[in-house]
Protein backbone atom coordinates (compact mmCIF):
# COMPACT_ATOMS: atom_id res chain seq x y z
CA MET A 1 -38.19 7.80 -10.95
CA MET A 2 -36.76 4.38 -10.06
CA LEU A 3 -33.32 5.87 -9.35
CA ALA A 4 -34.85 8.60 -7.18
CA ARG A 5 -36.75 5.98 -5.16
CA VAL A 6 -33.58 3.89 -4.76
CA LEU A 7 -31.65 6.91 -3.55
CA LEU A 8 -34.36 7.86 -1.06
CA VAL A 9 -34.20 4.38 0.44
CA ALA A 10 -30.40 4.59 0.44
CA ILE A 11 -30.35 7.84 2.37
CA LEU A 12 -32.81 6.57 4.98
CA ALA A 13 -31.28 3.13 5.48
CA GLY A 14 -28.21 4.04 7.60
CA LEU A 15 -27.22 1.66 10.38
CA VAL A 16 -25.31 3.40 13.19
CA HIS A 17 -22.54 1.96 15.36
CA ALA A 18 -20.91 4.96 17.04
CA THR A 19 -19.23 5.78 20.34
CA HIS A 20 -17.36 8.70 21.88
CA VAL A 21 -18.57 11.23 19.31
CA GLN A 22 -19.91 14.70 20.06
CA PRO A 23 -23.59 15.03 19.07
CA ASP A 24 -22.98 18.12 16.93
CA GLU A 25 -20.06 16.48 15.10
CA ALA A 26 -22.06 13.29 14.55
CA ALA A 27 -25.03 15.20 13.15
CA ASP A 28 -22.84 17.37 10.93
CA ALA A 29 -20.90 14.36 9.64
CA ASP A 30 -24.12 12.47 8.90
CA ALA A 31 -25.54 15.47 7.07
CA ALA A 32 -22.36 15.86 4.99
CA ILE A 33 -22.30 12.15 4.11
CA ARG A 34 -25.95 12.06 3.10
CA ALA A 35 -25.63 15.25 1.07
CA GLU A 36 -22.69 13.83 -0.90
CA MET A 37 -24.48 10.50 -1.41
CA GLU A 38 -27.48 12.30 -2.84
CA ARG A 39 -25.36 14.59 -5.01
CA GLN A 40 -23.29 11.68 -6.35
CA HIS A 41 -26.26 9.26 -6.65
CA VAL A 42 -24.45 6.60 -4.58
CA PRO A 43 -26.59 3.59 -3.52
CA GLY A 44 -24.55 2.80 -0.41
CA VAL A 45 -21.47 3.73 1.59
CA ALA A 46 -19.73 2.52 4.72
CA VAL A 47 -17.85 5.06 6.83
CA ALA A 48 -15.33 4.79 9.65
CA ILE A 49 -13.94 7.68 11.69
CA VAL A 50 -11.09 7.10 14.14
CA HIS A 51 -10.08 10.13 16.24
CA GLY A 52 -7.12 9.92 18.58
CA GLY A 53 -7.20 6.14 18.38
CA VAL A 54 -10.88 5.99 19.38
CA VAL A 55 -13.47 4.67 16.93
CA VAL A 56 -16.10 7.43 16.90
CA LYS A 57 -18.09 6.09 13.98
CA ALA A 58 -18.46 2.82 12.08
CA GLN A 59 -21.65 3.20 10.11
CA GLY A 60 -23.47 2.08 6.99
CA TYR A 61 -25.65 4.33 4.86
CA GLY A 62 -27.94 3.28 2.07
CA LEU A 63 -28.02 -0.05 0.28
CA ALA A 64 -25.41 -2.76 -0.20
CA ASN A 65 -27.73 -4.52 -2.63
CA VAL A 66 -30.41 -2.53 -4.39
CA GLU A 67 -32.27 -5.51 -5.87
CA HIS A 68 -32.76 -7.12 -2.45
CA GLN A 69 -32.95 -3.84 -0.47
CA VAL A 70 -30.10 -4.93 1.83
CA PRO A 71 -28.73 -2.04 3.94
CA VAL A 72 -25.03 -1.28 4.31
CA THR A 73 -23.63 -2.10 7.76
CA PRO A 74 -20.12 -1.93 9.24
CA GLU A 75 -19.78 -5.61 8.26
CA THR A 76 -20.62 -5.06 4.58
CA ILE A 77 -17.87 -6.30 2.25
CA PHE A 78 -16.68 -3.95 -0.50
CA GLN A 79 -13.99 -4.39 -3.15
CA SER A 80 -10.78 -2.51 -2.41
CA GLY A 81 -9.68 -1.21 -5.77
CA SER A 82 -6.23 0.35 -5.47
CA LEU A 83 -6.48 0.64 -1.70
CA GLY A 84 -5.07 -2.86 -1.97
CA LYS A 85 -1.73 -1.40 -3.05
CA MET A 86 -0.80 -0.43 0.50
CA PHE A 87 -1.15 -4.07 1.51
CA THR A 88 0.91 -5.28 -1.45
CA ALA A 89 3.62 -2.79 -0.44
CA ALA A 90 3.55 -4.23 3.10
CA ALA A 91 3.97 -7.75 1.69
CA VAL A 92 6.98 -6.56 -0.34
CA MET A 93 8.56 -5.03 2.77
CA LEU A 94 8.06 -8.30 4.64
CA GLN A 95 10.12 -10.02 1.94
CA VAL A 96 12.79 -7.33 2.32
CA GLU A 97 12.88 -7.91 6.07
CA ASP A 98 13.10 -11.67 5.45
CA GLY A 99 16.12 -11.09 3.22
CA LYS A 100 14.35 -12.57 0.18
CA LEU A 101 14.60 -9.43 -1.93
CA SER A 102 15.97 -5.90 -1.87
CA LEU A 103 14.38 -2.64 -2.94
CA SER A 104 17.35 -2.13 -5.24
CA ASP A 105 16.99 -5.53 -6.92
CA PRO A 106 16.57 -5.24 -10.69
CA ILE A 107 13.24 -6.83 -11.48
CA ALA A 108 14.97 -8.77 -14.26
CA LYS A 109 16.26 -10.91 -11.37
CA PHE A 110 12.72 -12.27 -11.10
CA PHE A 111 11.85 -11.99 -14.79
CA PRO A 112 14.79 -13.32 -16.84
CA ALA A 113 12.78 -12.90 -20.05
CA ALA A 114 12.15 -9.20 -19.43
CA PRO A 115 13.08 -6.88 -22.33
CA GLN A 116 16.44 -5.12 -22.38
CA ALA A 117 14.77 -1.78 -21.69
CA TRP A 118 13.68 -3.13 -18.30
CA GLN A 119 17.19 -3.88 -17.03
CA ALA A 120 17.37 -0.66 -14.99
CA ILE A 121 13.96 -1.09 -13.37
CA THR A 122 14.12 -1.97 -9.67
CA VAL A 123 11.61 -3.16 -7.09
CA ARG A 124 11.61 0.38 -5.67
CA HIS A 125 10.60 1.77 -9.07
CA LEU A 126 7.56 -0.52 -9.13
CA LEU A 127 6.53 0.46 -5.60
CA THR A 128 6.73 4.17 -6.36
CA HIS A 129 5.21 4.23 -9.88
CA THR A 130 8.47 5.46 -11.39
CA SER A 131 9.32 2.43 -13.56
CA GLY A 132 8.01 3.91 -16.80
CA ILE A 133 5.93 0.76 -17.45
CA PRO A 134 2.51 1.82 -18.82
CA ASP A 135 -0.74 0.93 -17.12
CA TYR A 136 -2.11 -2.34 -18.50
CA THR A 137 -5.68 -1.23 -17.79
CA ASP A 138 -5.42 1.31 -20.65
CA GLY A 139 -6.48 -1.31 -23.19
CA ALA A 140 -3.48 -3.65 -23.05
CA ILE A 141 -5.45 -6.62 -21.80
CA ASP A 142 -8.73 -8.47 -22.34
CA LEU A 143 -10.58 -8.12 -19.01
CA ARG A 144 -12.76 -11.14 -19.85
CA LYS A 145 -9.84 -13.53 -20.37
CA ASP A 146 -8.13 -15.62 -17.69
CA TYR A 147 -4.34 -15.31 -17.44
CA ASP A 148 -1.78 -17.07 -15.27
CA GLU A 149 1.14 -15.13 -13.77
CA GLU A 150 3.55 -15.92 -16.58
CA GLU A 151 1.04 -14.77 -19.18
CA LEU A 152 0.49 -11.54 -17.27
CA ALA A 153 4.24 -10.96 -17.12
CA ARG A 154 4.58 -11.55 -20.88
CA MET A 155 1.76 -9.08 -21.46
CA ALA A 156 3.69 -6.50 -19.45
CA PHE A 157 6.93 -7.24 -21.36
CA GLY A 158 5.17 -6.08 -24.52
CA LEU A 159 4.47 -2.59 -23.16
CA LYS A 160 6.86 0.11 -24.33
CA LEU A 161 8.29 2.22 -21.51
CA ASP A 162 6.85 5.73 -21.23
CA PHE A 163 10.13 7.10 -19.83
CA THR A 164 13.51 6.12 -18.40
CA PRO A 165 13.11 4.41 -15.01
CA GLY A 166 13.21 6.98 -12.20
CA GLU A 167 12.80 9.95 -14.54
CA LYS A 168 9.13 10.67 -13.79
CA TRP A 169 6.15 9.58 -11.72
CA LYS A 170 3.21 7.99 -13.52
CA TYR A 171 0.62 5.76 -11.91
CA SER A 172 0.89 2.18 -13.13
CA ASN A 173 -1.27 -0.74 -12.07
CA THR A 174 1.13 -2.92 -14.05
CA GLY A 175 3.90 -2.23 -11.56
CA TYR A 176 1.85 -3.58 -8.66
CA LEU A 177 0.60 -6.52 -10.70
CA LEU A 178 4.28 -7.41 -11.20
CA LEU A 179 5.01 -6.90 -7.49
CA GLY A 180 2.47 -9.59 -6.69
CA ILE A 181 4.30 -11.99 -8.98
CA ILE A 182 7.65 -10.99 -7.44
CA ILE A 183 6.29 -11.70 -3.93
CA HIS A 184 5.27 -15.16 -5.17
CA LYS A 185 8.69 -15.81 -6.69
CA ALA A 186 10.58 -14.50 -3.64
CA SER A 187 8.50 -16.19 -0.95
CA GLY A 188 7.29 -19.26 -2.82
CA ARG A 189 3.72 -18.34 -1.86
CA PHE A 190 0.83 -16.51 -3.53
CA TYR A 191 0.88 -12.90 -2.35
CA GLY A 192 -2.67 -13.21 -0.96
CA ASP A 193 -1.57 -16.06 1.30
CA VAL A 194 1.36 -13.97 2.55
CA LEU A 195 -1.04 -11.15 3.39
CA ALA A 196 -3.52 -13.48 5.09
CA ASP A 197 -0.91 -15.02 7.38
CA ARG A 198 1.31 -12.01 8.10
CA VAL A 199 -0.95 -8.96 7.84
CA PHE A 200 -4.68 -9.68 7.98
CA THR A 201 -4.71 -12.33 10.72
CA PRO A 202 -2.22 -10.61 13.08
CA LEU A 203 -4.13 -7.33 12.82
CA GLY A 204 -7.56 -8.90 13.33
CA MET A 205 -8.80 -8.12 9.81
CA THR A 206 -11.15 -11.07 9.98
CA THR A 207 -12.94 -10.76 6.63
CA THR A 208 -10.26 -9.26 4.37
CA ARG A 209 -9.31 -11.62 1.57
CA ILE A 210 -8.63 -11.89 -2.16
CA ILE A 211 -11.71 -11.40 -4.33
CA SER A 212 -13.62 -14.50 -5.43
CA GLU A 213 -16.87 -14.23 -7.36
CA ALA A 214 -17.41 -17.99 -6.92
CA ASP A 215 -17.16 -18.22 -3.12
CA ILE A 216 -20.03 -17.54 -0.75
CA VAL A 217 -19.00 -14.28 0.95
CA PRO A 218 -21.31 -13.14 3.77
CA HIS A 219 -22.38 -9.49 3.65
CA ARG A 220 -20.92 -8.93 0.16
CA ALA A 221 -22.10 -5.70 -1.47
CA ALA A 222 -23.04 -5.40 -5.12
CA GLY A 223 -21.16 -2.92 -7.31
CA TYR A 224 -23.00 -0.52 -9.58
CA THR A 225 -22.53 1.96 -12.39
CA LEU A 226 -24.70 4.76 -13.74
CA VAL A 227 -25.59 4.51 -17.42
CA LYS A 228 -27.50 7.54 -18.70
CA GLY A 229 -28.72 8.17 -15.18
CA GLU A 230 -29.92 4.61 -14.64
CA LEU A 231 -28.35 2.29 -12.08
CA LYS A 232 -26.84 -0.87 -13.59
CA ASN A 233 -24.86 -3.80 -12.19
CA GLN A 234 -21.08 -3.80 -12.56
CA GLU A 235 -19.51 -5.49 -15.56
CA TRP A 236 -17.93 -8.91 -15.19
CA VAL A 237 -14.16 -9.50 -15.38
CA SER A 238 -12.29 -12.80 -15.45
CA PRO A 239 -11.55 -14.57 -12.15
CA SER A 240 -7.75 -14.30 -12.53
CA LEU A 241 -7.90 -10.52 -12.99
CA ASN A 242 -9.75 -10.33 -9.68
CA THR A 243 -6.72 -11.73 -7.85
CA THR A 244 -3.89 -9.43 -8.93
CA ALA A 245 -1.84 -7.35 -6.50
CA ASP A 246 -2.76 -3.96 -7.91
CA GLY A 247 -6.02 -3.97 -5.96
CA ALA A 248 -8.17 -7.11 -5.69
CA LEU A 249 -9.30 -7.43 -2.08
CA TYR A 250 -12.57 -7.76 -0.20
CA PHE A 251 -12.81 -5.86 3.10
CA SER A 252 -15.17 -3.98 5.40
CA VAL A 253 -14.78 -0.73 7.32
CA LYS A 254 -14.32 -2.84 10.45
CA ASP A 255 -11.31 -4.45 8.79
CA LEU A 256 -9.90 -1.06 7.85
CA ILE A 257 -10.33 0.16 11.42
CA ALA A 258 -8.09 -2.75 12.42
CA TRP A 259 -5.62 -1.85 9.65
CA ASP A 260 -5.61 1.78 10.78
CA ALA A 261 -4.78 0.70 14.33
CA GLY A 262 -1.91 -1.41 13.00
CA VAL A 263 -0.55 1.43 10.88
CA ARG A 264 -0.80 3.95 13.73
CA ALA A 265 1.02 1.53 16.06
CA ARG A 266 3.53 0.67 13.30
CA ARG A 267 2.83 -3.03 13.67
CA ILE A 268 3.65 -5.82 11.18
CA LEU A 269 6.76 -4.05 9.80
CA SER A 270 9.90 -2.67 11.42
CA ALA A 271 10.27 1.04 12.13
CA ALA A 272 12.80 1.28 9.30
CA SER A 273 10.38 -0.35 6.86
CA TRP A 274 7.55 2.00 7.83
CA ALA A 275 9.90 4.95 7.35
CA SER A 276 10.61 3.72 3.82
CA VAL A 277 6.90 3.22 3.12
CA PHE A 278 6.14 6.86 3.97
CA ASP A 279 9.22 8.40 2.37
CA PRO A 280 8.42 10.48 -0.76
CA VAL A 281 10.02 9.03 -3.87
CA ARG A 282 13.14 10.78 -5.14
CA LEU A 283 13.42 11.06 -8.92
CA ASN A 284 16.62 10.91 -10.97
CA ASP A 285 16.94 14.72 -10.97
CA GLY A 286 16.79 14.86 -7.17
CA LYS A 287 13.24 16.20 -7.00
CA THR A 288 10.66 14.34 -4.93
CA HIS A 289 7.10 13.31 -5.67
CA ASP A 290 4.45 12.92 -2.97
CA TYR A 291 4.09 9.16 -3.14
CA GLY A 292 5.68 6.46 -0.99
CA PHE A 293 5.07 2.72 -1.23
CA GLY A 294 1.35 2.34 -1.91
CA TRP A 295 0.49 5.63 -0.17
CA ALA A 296 -0.13 9.12 -1.54
CA LEU A 297 1.48 11.75 0.68
CA GLY A 298 0.59 15.37 1.22
CA MET A 299 -0.10 18.20 3.64
CA ARG A 300 -3.37 19.44 5.10
CA GLY A 301 -3.83 21.98 7.87
CA GLY A 302 -0.09 22.27 8.23
CA ARG A 303 0.35 18.57 9.00
CA LYS A 304 0.97 15.42 6.99
CA VAL A 305 -1.79 13.36 5.40
CA TYR A 306 -1.33 9.78 4.18
CA GLN A 307 -4.02 8.43 1.89
CA HIS A 308 -5.05 6.36 -1.11
CA GLY A 309 -8.13 5.75 -3.20
CA GLY A 310 -9.35 2.80 -5.22
CA SER A 311 -11.67 2.00 -8.11
CA TRP A 312 -12.70 -1.40 -9.47
CA GLN A 313 -15.81 -3.22 -10.68
CA GLY A 314 -18.41 -0.72 -9.54
CA PHE A 315 -16.68 0.13 -6.25
CA LYS A 316 -14.82 3.26 -5.12
CA THR A 317 -12.83 3.53 -1.89
CA HIS A 318 -10.78 6.10 0.01
CA TYR A 319 -8.78 5.99 3.24
CA ALA A 320 -6.94 8.95 4.74
CA HIS A 321 -4.96 9.51 7.92
CA PHE A 322 -4.42 13.11 9.00
CA ASP A 323 -1.59 13.75 11.45
CA ARG A 324 -3.47 16.83 12.65
CA GLY A 325 -5.72 15.54 15.41
CA ASP A 326 -4.66 11.95 14.74
CA LEU A 327 -7.72 11.51 12.53
CA SER A 328 -8.43 8.64 10.15
CA VAL A 329 -11.41 8.46 7.81
CA VAL A 330 -12.51 5.54 5.61
CA VAL A 331 -15.25 5.71 2.98
CA LEU A 332 -16.27 2.69 0.88
CA ALA A 333 -18.86 3.15 -1.88
CA ASN A 334 -20.58 0.83 -4.34
CA LEU A 335 -20.82 3.07 -7.41
CA ARG A 336 -18.21 3.42 -10.17
CA GLN A 337 -18.82 7.15 -10.54
CA ALA A 338 -18.66 7.87 -6.80
CA ASP A 339 -16.01 10.21 -5.37
CA PRO A 340 -15.41 8.92 -1.83
CA GLY A 341 -12.50 11.33 -1.45
CA LYS A 342 -15.01 14.18 -1.36
CA ILE A 343 -16.87 12.44 1.45
CA VAL A 344 -13.59 11.93 3.33
CA ASP A 345 -12.81 15.64 2.93
CA ALA A 346 -16.30 16.63 4.10
CA ILE A 347 -15.97 14.48 7.22
CA ALA A 348 -12.44 15.73 7.97
CA THR A 349 -13.65 19.33 7.67
CA VAL A 350 -16.46 18.64 10.15
CA MET A 351 -14.00 17.13 12.59
CA ASP A 352 -11.48 19.96 12.15
CA PRO A 353 -12.16 22.96 9.85
CA ALA A 354 -8.39 23.35 9.36
CA LEU A 355 -8.50 20.08 7.39
CA ALA A 356 -10.69 21.55 4.67
CA PRO A 357 -9.21 21.03 1.17
CA GLY A 358 -6.81 23.78 0.20
CA ARG A 359 -5.72 24.46 3.79
């Protein structure tokens, strides 16, 4: 009964900031979003729709904080999860452009104590999830313990490779954790500071930052999980594990609208760097896999789609850009079991039926 009451409030508590949107499309998108929220039992989501470079919707639905009945708004701060990987990849490419590292650099250059089996692993392998290094989140680490960068690297050194570097594609948070350390070693600065100065500030992402549970963060949402149908607060992890480069950012949909504008205009990085970011990885056997540098690649409606999702501490996120119609959709949710990708797909289908999944 309590969960049903919470969800009813969540569905009715939307705050709308929308311009240049057709009434029928707006109503259909709202209906699709609310239907998915109810089906998935999500307390709150924030949604952005950018069509042809015009922001047609930046809107909150439901509750950012259930205990205090605080509604989601376009300013609400969510955790990024692995959406943060696209920003880490941008920070790596900035170091490449600065001449401080190369995509072909063996990572042993930055980790002299790395095991012999790692000698063939390059920066490019880490960016594309083709290093063979297992995912540390599969039980290799104590999420309640604080680690410094050297301790995290030593933890990674103890993981046995799943395959020869470049042989296969397998998602690995460990690879991006290591990229954050490499950025620090190459630039002399914490990767979050590099992002703040060279990505977030130039693009006008005014509230994007590294996670801090200790700091006072205006408009911060609470993360939730469902346990036997009952809404519970997210579990706690150590402060240091909320700062790693595999996905530990705070941001709002307004920030991601600014990021989307920067990506569409190919700002921050050179044209050559952006081409590398969106180039599907080529494996040792010559076959390609639909992943670039921090972006999943694919086709929808006969045109390219660039996207990524994220999951961390009771938050789920998804951002997709569809070449067809120059459409971008962002969905941020505060429930571990949420599937924001389904909400993105529902919105994209409303905007253009040819973008329905499977097309």
